[in-house]
Structures are given as structure tokens and as C-alpha cells.
Amino acid sequence: MNFFENELRRMVGTVYPNAKYIGRAAYVDLGGGNQAKFLITTQGVADEYTALKAKIVNKTQGTIDTMFIRFEDVFSPRNGSNTHAWTYNGKTEWYNFIPDNWDYAAMNKVVKEYTGLFMIQDPAPRQEQTMC
């Protein structure tokens, strides 16, 4: 398992144990044809990963929404650290910062709240009414 899949499992897989991991992405079925795709991504600086990109796609309508969940907005700052992961000499790891269980719990909450906006519940089965 590479860095990206390991981190996605901690950020997304805790909330959605049935998530599918393909390459550097995690996919979650939200019902009704909606899917969420999550990637750990850069925001303009090569090999500096600063955010979790969330994209909601509907199988028939295409992209519904895209959002960048910045690590610095969710994770607890420590020692004035610049919250990101980076790839250096072919190895990807957290730079001057390692998220702890509180940080992952905070990210889990954001992931759940965001995807909850697009989750489609199957309607409850209708009960037939009989005339007396």
C-alpha cells in the first residue's frame, strides 16, 4: 500500500469502509447514481500535497460539485508547521507534521458532512392502503 492509499483509508475509509481504492483515488457510492471521488492533491506546487480533493459525480448528470478540503483548515496546527505531504527523492511523506488520531477524526467529520449533502437514500417501501 502506498502513502496515498494509506492516507485515504484513514481520511475516507474510516467513514466509508466499502470505499474502493484505485491508484491514488478513493471512490464511494452515495446512492442514486452519485459517487464521491477523493484524491490527495497539490494546489499549484509540484509534489506538495496540501488538500483532499472531493468530487461528486452523478452517472447520468456528470460532475455535481468539487471541493478542496485543505489540510491546514482541518488538522490542528503544531509548532507553526506547514501542513502538507511532499514527495522528495521518490518518497512521499508528511512534511514537518504527522497527523494524529484527532486530526483524522476531524477529517472524517468533514468528509461525512460533505458527502452527506449528496447522499441519496432509497425511499422507504410504500405500504398499500386498503379500503375498509
N, C-alpha and C. Protein backbone atom coordinates (compact mmCIF):
# COMPACT_ATOMS: atom_id res chain seq x y z
N MET A 1 0.86 -1.17 0.00
CA MET A 1 0.00 0.00 0.00
C MET A 1 0.91 1.23 0.00
N ASN A 2 0.62 2.18 -0.88
CA ASN A 2 1.44 3.39 -0.95
C ASN A 2 0.93 4.46 0.01
N PHE A 3 1.67 5.55 0.12
CA PHE A 3 1.32 6.65 1.02
C PHE A 3 -0.10 7.14 0.77
N PHE A 4 -0.44 7.36 -0.50
CA PHE A 4 -1.73 7.95 -0.83
C PHE A 4 -2.89 7.04 -0.42
N GLU A 5 -2.80 5.75 -0.75
CA GLU A 5 -3.87 4.84 -0.36
C GLU A 5 -3.97 4.73 1.16
N ASN A 6 -2.84 4.65 1.83
CA ASN A 6 -2.84 4.56 3.29
C ASN A 6 -3.55 5.78 3.92
N GLU A 7 -3.21 6.97 3.44
CA GLU A 7 -3.83 8.18 3.99
C GLU A 7 -5.30 8.29 3.62
N LEU A 8 -5.66 7.90 2.40
CA LEU A 8 -7.08 7.92 2.00
C LEU A 8 -7.89 6.96 2.86
N ARG A 9 -7.32 5.83 3.20
CA ARG A 9 -8.02 4.88 4.07
C ARG A 9 -8.27 5.51 5.44
N ARG A 10 -7.37 6.32 5.93
CA ARG A 10 -7.54 6.97 7.24
C ARG A 10 -8.50 8.15 7.16
N MET A 11 -8.51 8.86 6.02
CA MET A 11 -9.36 10.05 5.88
C MET A 11 -10.77 9.72 5.40
N VAL A 12 -10.90 8.71 4.54
CA VAL A 12 -12.19 8.37 3.92
C VAL A 12 -12.68 7.00 4.37
N GLY A 13 -11.79 6.02 4.40
CA GLY A 13 -12.17 4.64 4.68
C GLY A 13 -12.73 4.41 6.06
N THR A 14 -12.38 5.25 7.00
CA THR A 14 -12.93 5.13 8.35
C THR A 14 -14.42 5.44 8.33
N VAL A 15 -14.81 6.40 7.50
CA VAL A 15 -16.22 6.79 7.36
C VAL A 15 -16.95 5.83 6.43
N TYR A 16 -16.28 5.41 5.37
CA TYR A 16 -16.87 4.54 4.35
C TYR A 16 -16.00 3.29 4.17
N PRO A 17 -16.22 2.28 4.99
CA PRO A 17 -15.40 1.06 4.92
C PRO A 17 -15.49 0.35 3.57
N ASN A 18 -16.55 0.59 2.79
CA ASN A 18 -16.71 -0.06 1.49
C ASN A 18 -16.12 0.75 0.35
N ALA A 19 -15.35 1.80 0.67
CA ALA A 19 -14.72 2.60 -0.37
C ALA A 19 -13.81 1.72 -1.23
N LYS A 20 -13.71 2.06 -2.49
CA LYS A 20 -12.83 1.36 -3.43
C LYS A 20 -11.62 2.25 -3.70
N TYR A 21 -10.44 1.65 -3.73
CA TYR A 21 -9.20 2.38 -3.94
C TYR A 21 -8.59 1.95 -5.26
N ILE A 22 -8.42 2.91 -6.14
CA ILE A 22 -7.85 2.65 -7.44
C ILE A 22 -6.78 3.72 -7.68
N GLY A 23 -5.55 3.28 -7.82
CA GLY A 23 -4.45 4.23 -7.98
C GLY A 23 -4.35 5.11 -6.74
N ARG A 24 -4.38 6.40 -6.95
CA ARG A 24 -4.29 7.36 -5.84
C ARG A 24 -5.65 7.94 -5.47
N ALA A 25 -6.72 7.24 -5.82
CA ALA A 25 -8.06 7.75 -5.57
C ALA A 25 -8.89 6.77 -4.74
N ALA A 26 -9.86 7.34 -4.01
CA ALA A 26 -10.84 6.54 -3.27
C ALA A 26 -12.21 6.90 -3.83
N TYR A 27 -13.04 5.88 -4.04
CA TYR A 27 -14.39 6.07 -4.59
C TYR A 27 -15.42 5.55 -3.61
N VAL A 28 -16.49 6.33 -3.44
CA VAL A 28 -17.55 5.98 -2.51
C VAL A 28 -18.89 6.09 -3.23
N ASP A 29 -19.71 5.04 -3.14
CA ASP A 29 -21.06 5.06 -3.70
C ASP A 29 -21.98 5.77 -2.72
N LEU A 30 -22.63 6.84 -3.17
CA LEU A 30 -23.53 7.62 -2.32
C LEU A 30 -25.00 7.32 -2.59
N GLY A 31 -25.27 6.40 -3.51
CA GLY A 31 -26.65 6.04 -3.83
C GLY A 31 -27.22 6.91 -4.93
N GLY A 32 -28.25 6.43 -5.59
CA GLY A 32 -28.95 7.19 -6.61
C GLY A 32 -28.08 7.59 -7.79
N GLY A 33 -27.02 6.86 -8.05
CA GLY A 33 -26.13 7.20 -9.15
C GLY A 33 -25.04 8.19 -8.78
N ASN A 34 -25.03 8.68 -7.55
CA ASN A 34 -23.99 9.61 -7.10
C ASN A 34 -22.79 8.85 -6.54
N GLN A 35 -21.61 9.33 -6.90
CA GLN A 35 -20.37 8.79 -6.36
C GLN A 35 -19.48 9.93 -5.92
N ALA A 36 -18.69 9.68 -4.87
CA ALA A 36 -17.68 10.63 -4.44
C ALA A 36 -16.32 10.09 -4.82
N LYS A 37 -15.46 10.96 -5.29
CA LYS A 37 -14.08 10.60 -5.61
C LYS A 37 -13.18 11.49 -4.77
N PHE A 38 -12.22 10.89 -4.08
CA PHE A 38 -11.30 11.63 -3.22
C PHE A 38 -9.86 11.41 -3.69
N LEU A 39 -9.11 12.49 -3.72
CA LEU A 39 -7.69 12.45 -4.08
C LEU A 39 -6.92 13.36 -3.14
N ILE A 40 -5.72 12.97 -2.77
CA ILE A 40 -4.82 13.87 -2.07
C ILE A 40 -4.10 14.63 -3.17
N THR A 41 -4.18 15.96 -3.14
CA THR A 41 -3.75 16.74 -4.29
C THR A 41 -2.88 17.94 -3.94
N THR A 42 -2.20 18.43 -4.95
CA THR A 42 -1.43 19.67 -4.82
C THR A 42 -2.34 20.84 -5.15
N GLN A 43 -1.87 22.02 -4.81
CA GLN A 43 -2.61 23.23 -5.18
C GLN A 43 -1.65 24.24 -5.79
N GLY A 44 -0.92 23.81 -6.79
CA GLY A 44 -0.05 24.73 -7.51
C GLY A 44 1.44 24.52 -7.32
N VAL A 45 1.85 23.78 -6.31
CA VAL A 45 3.28 23.50 -6.11
C VAL A 45 3.49 22.00 -6.34
N ALA A 46 4.37 21.69 -7.27
CA ALA A 46 4.62 20.29 -7.62
C ALA A 46 5.10 19.50 -6.41
N ASP A 47 4.57 18.32 -6.25
CA ASP A 47 4.96 17.38 -5.20
C ASP A 47 4.71 17.88 -3.78
N GLU A 48 3.88 18.91 -3.62
CA GLU A 48 3.49 19.40 -2.29
C GLU A 48 1.98 19.23 -2.17
N TYR A 49 1.56 18.23 -1.40
CA TYR A 49 0.16 17.83 -1.31
C TYR A 49 -0.50 18.52 -0.11
N THR A 50 -1.39 19.46 -0.39
CA THR A 50 -1.93 20.33 0.64
C THR A 50 -3.42 20.13 0.92
N ALA A 51 -4.09 19.26 0.16
CA ALA A 51 -5.55 19.17 0.30
C ALA A 51 -6.07 17.80 -0.10
N LEU A 52 -7.27 17.53 0.39
CA LEU A 52 -8.04 16.39 -0.05
C LEU A 52 -9.07 16.93 -1.03
N LYS A 53 -8.99 16.51 -2.28
CA LYS A 53 -9.95 16.95 -3.30
C LYS A 53 -11.12 16.00 -3.29
N ALA A 54 -12.31 16.55 -3.16
CA ALA A 54 -13.54 15.76 -3.17
C ALA A 54 -14.36 16.17 -4.39
N LYS A 55 -14.78 15.18 -5.14
CA LYS A 55 -15.57 15.44 -6.35
C LYS A 55 -16.80 14.53 -6.30
N ILE A 56 -17.97 15.11 -6.51
CA ILE A 56 -19.21 14.35 -6.55
C ILE A 56 -19.65 14.26 -8.01
N VAL A 57 -19.87 13.03 -8.45
CA VAL A 57 -20.25 12.77 -9.84
C VAL A 57 -21.51 11.94 -9.86
N ASN A 58 -22.43 12.30 -10.76
CA ASN A 58 -23.63 11.50 -10.99
C ASN A 58 -23.45 10.79 -12.32
N LYS A 59 -23.82 9.53 -12.36
CA LYS A 59 -23.59 8.71 -13.56
C LYS A 59 -24.28 9.26 -14.80
N THR A 60 -25.39 9.96 -14.65
CA THR A 60 -26.10 10.50 -15.82
C THR A 60 -25.91 11.99 -15.99
N GLN A 61 -25.66 12.72 -14.91
CA GLN A 61 -25.56 14.18 -14.97
C GLN A 61 -24.12 14.70 -14.99
N GLY A 62 -23.14 13.85 -14.71
CA GLY A 62 -21.75 14.29 -14.69
C GLY A 62 -21.37 14.90 -13.35
N THR A 63 -20.40 15.79 -13.37
CA THR A 63 -19.89 16.39 -12.13
C THR A 63 -20.95 17.30 -11.52
N ILE A 64 -21.22 17.08 -10.22
CA ILE A 64 -22.18 17.90 -9.48
C ILE A 64 -21.46 18.96 -8.67
N ASP A 65 -20.34 18.57 -8.04
CA ASP A 65 -19.63 19.51 -7.16
C ASP A 65 -18.19 19.05 -7.00
N THR A 66 -17.30 20.02 -6.77
CA THR A 66 -15.91 19.75 -6.47
C THR A 66 -15.48 20.67 -5.34
N MET A 67 -14.70 20.12 -4.42
CA MET A 67 -14.26 20.91 -3.27
C MET A 67 -12.84 20.49 -2.88
N PHE A 68 -12.04 21.45 -2.45
CA PHE A 68 -10.73 21.17 -1.88
C PHE A 68 -10.82 21.35 -0.37
N ILE A 69 -10.54 20.28 0.36
CA ILE A 69 -10.54 20.34 1.82
C ILE A 69 -9.07 20.47 2.22
N ARG A 70 -8.67 21.69 2.55
CA ARG A 70 -7.26 21.96 2.84
C ARG A 70 -6.88 21.39 4.20
N PHE A 71 -5.74 20.71 4.24
CA PHE A 71 -5.27 20.11 5.48
C PHE A 71 -5.12 21.16 6.58
N GLU A 72 -4.62 22.34 6.22
CA GLU A 72 -4.41 23.37 7.24
C GLU A 72 -5.73 23.88 7.84
N ASP A 73 -6.84 23.68 7.14
CA ASP A 73 -8.14 24.09 7.66
C ASP A 73 -8.75 23.05 8.59
N VAL A 74 -8.27 21.81 8.52
CA VAL A 74 -8.88 20.73 9.29
C VAL A 74 -7.95 20.22 10.39
N PHE A 75 -6.69 20.02 10.05
CA PHE A 75 -5.74 19.47 11.00
C PHE A 75 -5.28 20.53 12.00
N SER A 76 -4.98 20.10 13.22
CA SER A 76 -4.51 21.00 14.28
C SER A 76 -3.09 21.47 13.97
N PRO A 77 -2.89 22.78 13.90
CA PRO A 77 -1.52 23.26 13.66
C PRO A 77 -0.65 23.00 14.89
N ARG A 78 0.57 22.58 14.64
CA ARG A 78 1.52 22.35 15.72
C ARG A 78 2.85 22.98 15.35
N ASN A 79 3.41 23.69 16.26
CA ASN A 79 4.73 24.29 16.05
C ASN A 79 4.79 25.14 14.79
N GLY A 80 3.70 25.79 14.45
CA GLY A 80 3.68 26.63 13.25
C GLY A 80 3.98 25.87 11.97
N SER A 81 3.68 24.57 11.98
CA SER A 81 4.05 23.73 10.84
C SER A 81 3.24 24.08 9.60
N ASN A 82 3.85 23.85 8.48
CA ASN A 82 3.21 24.00 7.19
C ASN A 82 2.60 22.63 6.87
N THR A 83 1.29 22.51 6.98
CA THR A 83 0.61 21.22 6.93
C THR A 83 0.47 20.71 5.50
N HIS A 84 1.38 19.81 5.12
CA HIS A 84 1.28 19.18 3.81
C HIS A 84 2.17 17.94 3.78
N ALA A 85 1.91 17.13 2.76
CA ALA A 85 2.79 16.00 2.47
C ALA A 85 3.60 16.39 1.25
N TRP A 86 4.72 15.74 1.06
CA TRP A 86 5.53 16.05 -0.11
C TRP A 86 6.24 14.81 -0.61
N THR A 87 6.63 14.86 -1.87
CA THR A 87 7.41 13.79 -2.45
C THR A 87 8.82 14.33 -2.64
N TYR A 88 9.78 13.63 -2.03
CA TYR A 88 11.18 14.03 -2.11
C TYR A 88 12.02 12.77 -2.31
N ASN A 89 12.88 12.79 -3.31
CA ASN A 89 13.70 11.63 -3.65
C ASN A 89 12.86 10.37 -3.84
N GLY A 90 11.69 10.53 -4.46
CA GLY A 90 10.84 9.40 -4.78
C GLY A 90 10.00 8.86 -3.64
N LYS A 91 10.08 9.49 -2.46
CA LYS A 91 9.31 9.02 -1.31
C LYS A 91 8.33 10.12 -0.88
N THR A 92 7.07 9.73 -0.68
CA THR A 92 6.06 10.68 -0.22
C THR A 92 5.82 10.46 1.26
N GLU A 93 5.81 11.58 2.01
CA GLU A 93 5.58 11.53 3.45
C GLU A 93 5.11 12.90 3.92
N TRP A 94 4.66 12.96 5.17
CA TRP A 94 4.25 14.24 5.75
C TRP A 94 5.50 15.09 5.97
N TYR A 95 5.37 16.38 5.73
CA TYR A 95 6.48 17.31 5.87
C TYR A 95 6.34 18.08 7.18
N ASN A 96 7.26 17.89 8.10
CA ASN A 96 7.31 18.65 9.35
C ASN A 96 6.02 18.55 10.16
N PHE A 97 5.26 17.50 9.92
CA PHE A 97 3.95 17.35 10.55
C PHE A 97 3.48 15.93 10.33
N ILE A 98 2.93 15.31 11.34
CA ILE A 98 2.30 14.00 11.18
C ILE A 98 0.92 14.07 11.83
N PRO A 99 -0.14 13.87 11.05
CA PRO A 99 -1.49 13.92 11.64
C PRO A 99 -1.65 12.87 12.73
N ASP A 100 -2.38 13.23 13.77
CA ASP A 100 -2.66 12.27 14.84
C ASP A 100 -4.12 11.83 14.75
N ASN A 101 -4.56 11.02 15.69
CA ASN A 101 -5.93 10.50 15.66
C ASN A 101 -6.97 11.61 15.69
N TRP A 102 -6.70 12.70 16.40
CA TRP A 102 -7.63 13.83 16.45
C TRP A 102 -7.76 14.47 15.07
N ASP A 103 -6.64 14.59 14.37
CA ASP A 103 -6.66 15.17 13.02
C ASP A 103 -7.48 14.31 12.06
N TYR A 104 -7.25 13.00 12.11
CA TYR A 104 -8.01 12.11 11.23
C TYR A 104 -9.50 12.12 11.58
N ALA A 105 -9.81 12.19 12.86
CA ALA A 105 -11.22 12.25 13.28
C ALA A 105 -11.87 13.54 12.75
N ALA A 106 -11.13 14.64 12.78
CA ALA A 106 -11.65 15.91 12.25
C ALA A 106 -11.89 15.80 10.74
N MET A 107 -10.96 15.16 10.03
CA MET A 107 -11.14 14.98 8.59
C MET A 107 -12.30 14.04 8.30
N ASN A 108 -12.45 12.99 9.08
CA ASN A 108 -13.58 12.07 8.91
C ASN A 108 -14.90 12.82 9.03
N LYS A 109 -14.98 13.74 9.99
CA LYS A 109 -16.20 14.51 10.20
C LYS A 109 -16.50 15.39 8.98
N VAL A 110 -15.48 16.04 8.45
CA VAL A 110 -15.68 16.89 7.27
C VAL A 110 -16.10 16.05 6.06
N VAL A 111 -15.46 14.92 5.86
CA VAL A 111 -15.80 14.03 4.74
C VAL A 111 -17.26 13.57 4.86
N LYS A 112 -17.67 13.19 6.06
CA LYS A 112 -19.04 12.71 6.28
C LYS A 112 -20.06 13.83 6.04
N GLU A 113 -19.76 15.02 6.55
CA GLU A 113 -20.69 16.15 6.36
C GLU A 113 -20.81 16.52 4.88
N TYR A 114 -19.68 16.56 4.19
CA TYR A 114 -19.70 16.92 2.77
C TYR A 114 -20.46 15.89 1.95
N THR A 115 -20.12 14.63 2.08
CA THR A 115 -20.79 13.60 1.28
C THR A 115 -22.26 13.46 1.65
N GLY A 116 -22.60 13.75 2.91
CA GLY A 116 -23.99 13.69 3.35
C GLY A 116 -24.90 14.63 2.56
N LEU A 117 -24.33 15.70 2.03
CA LEU A 117 -25.11 16.64 1.22
C LEU A 117 -25.58 16.02 -0.09
N PHE A 118 -24.89 14.98 -0.54
CA PHE A 118 -25.17 14.40 -1.85
C PHE A 118 -25.63 12.95 -1.78
N MET A 119 -25.79 12.46 -0.57
CA MET A 119 -26.21 11.07 -0.38
C MET A 119 -27.70 10.95 -0.70
N ILE A 120 -28.04 9.92 -1.42
CA ILE A 120 -29.44 9.70 -1.79
C ILE A 120 -29.88 8.40 -1.13
N GLN A 121 -30.86 8.52 -0.28
CA GLN A 121 -31.40 7.36 0.42
C GLN A 121 -32.48 6.73 -0.44
N ASP A 122 -32.50 5.43 -0.45
CA ASP A 122 -33.59 4.75 -1.15
C ASP A 122 -34.88 5.02 -0.39
N PRO A 123 -35.93 5.37 -1.10
CA PRO A 123 -37.18 5.66 -0.41
C PRO A 123 -37.70 4.43 0.33
N ALA A 124 -38.37 4.69 1.42
CA ALA A 124 -38.95 3.59 2.21
C ALA A 124 -40.04 2.92 1.38
N PRO A 125 -40.16 1.62 1.49
CA PRO A 125 -41.21 0.93 0.74
C PRO A 125 -42.59 1.46 1.15
N ARG A 126 -43.42 1.63 0.15
CA ARG A 126 -44.77 2.15 0.40
C ARG A 126 -45.65 1.02 0.91
N GLN A 127 -46.46 1.36 1.86
CA GLN A 127 -47.42 0.38 2.34
C GLN A 127 -48.73 0.61 1.59
N GLU A 128 -49.27 -0.47 1.12
CA GLU A 128 -50.53 -0.35 0.40
C GLU A 128 -51.66 -0.11 1.37
N GLN A 129 -52.48 0.84 1.02
CA GLN A 129 -53.63 1.13 1.87
C GLN A 129 -54.84 0.36 1.33
N THR A 130 -55.56 -0.22 2.23
CA THR A 130 -56.77 -0.94 1.82
C THR A 130 -57.96 -0.16 2.25
N MET A 131 -58.99 -0.25 1.48
CA MET A 131 -60.22 0.46 1.82
C MET A 131 -61.06 -0.47 2.66
N CYS A 132 -61.62 0.05 3.69
CA CYS A 132 -62.46 -0.76 4.58
C CYS A 132 -63.89 -0.71 4.17
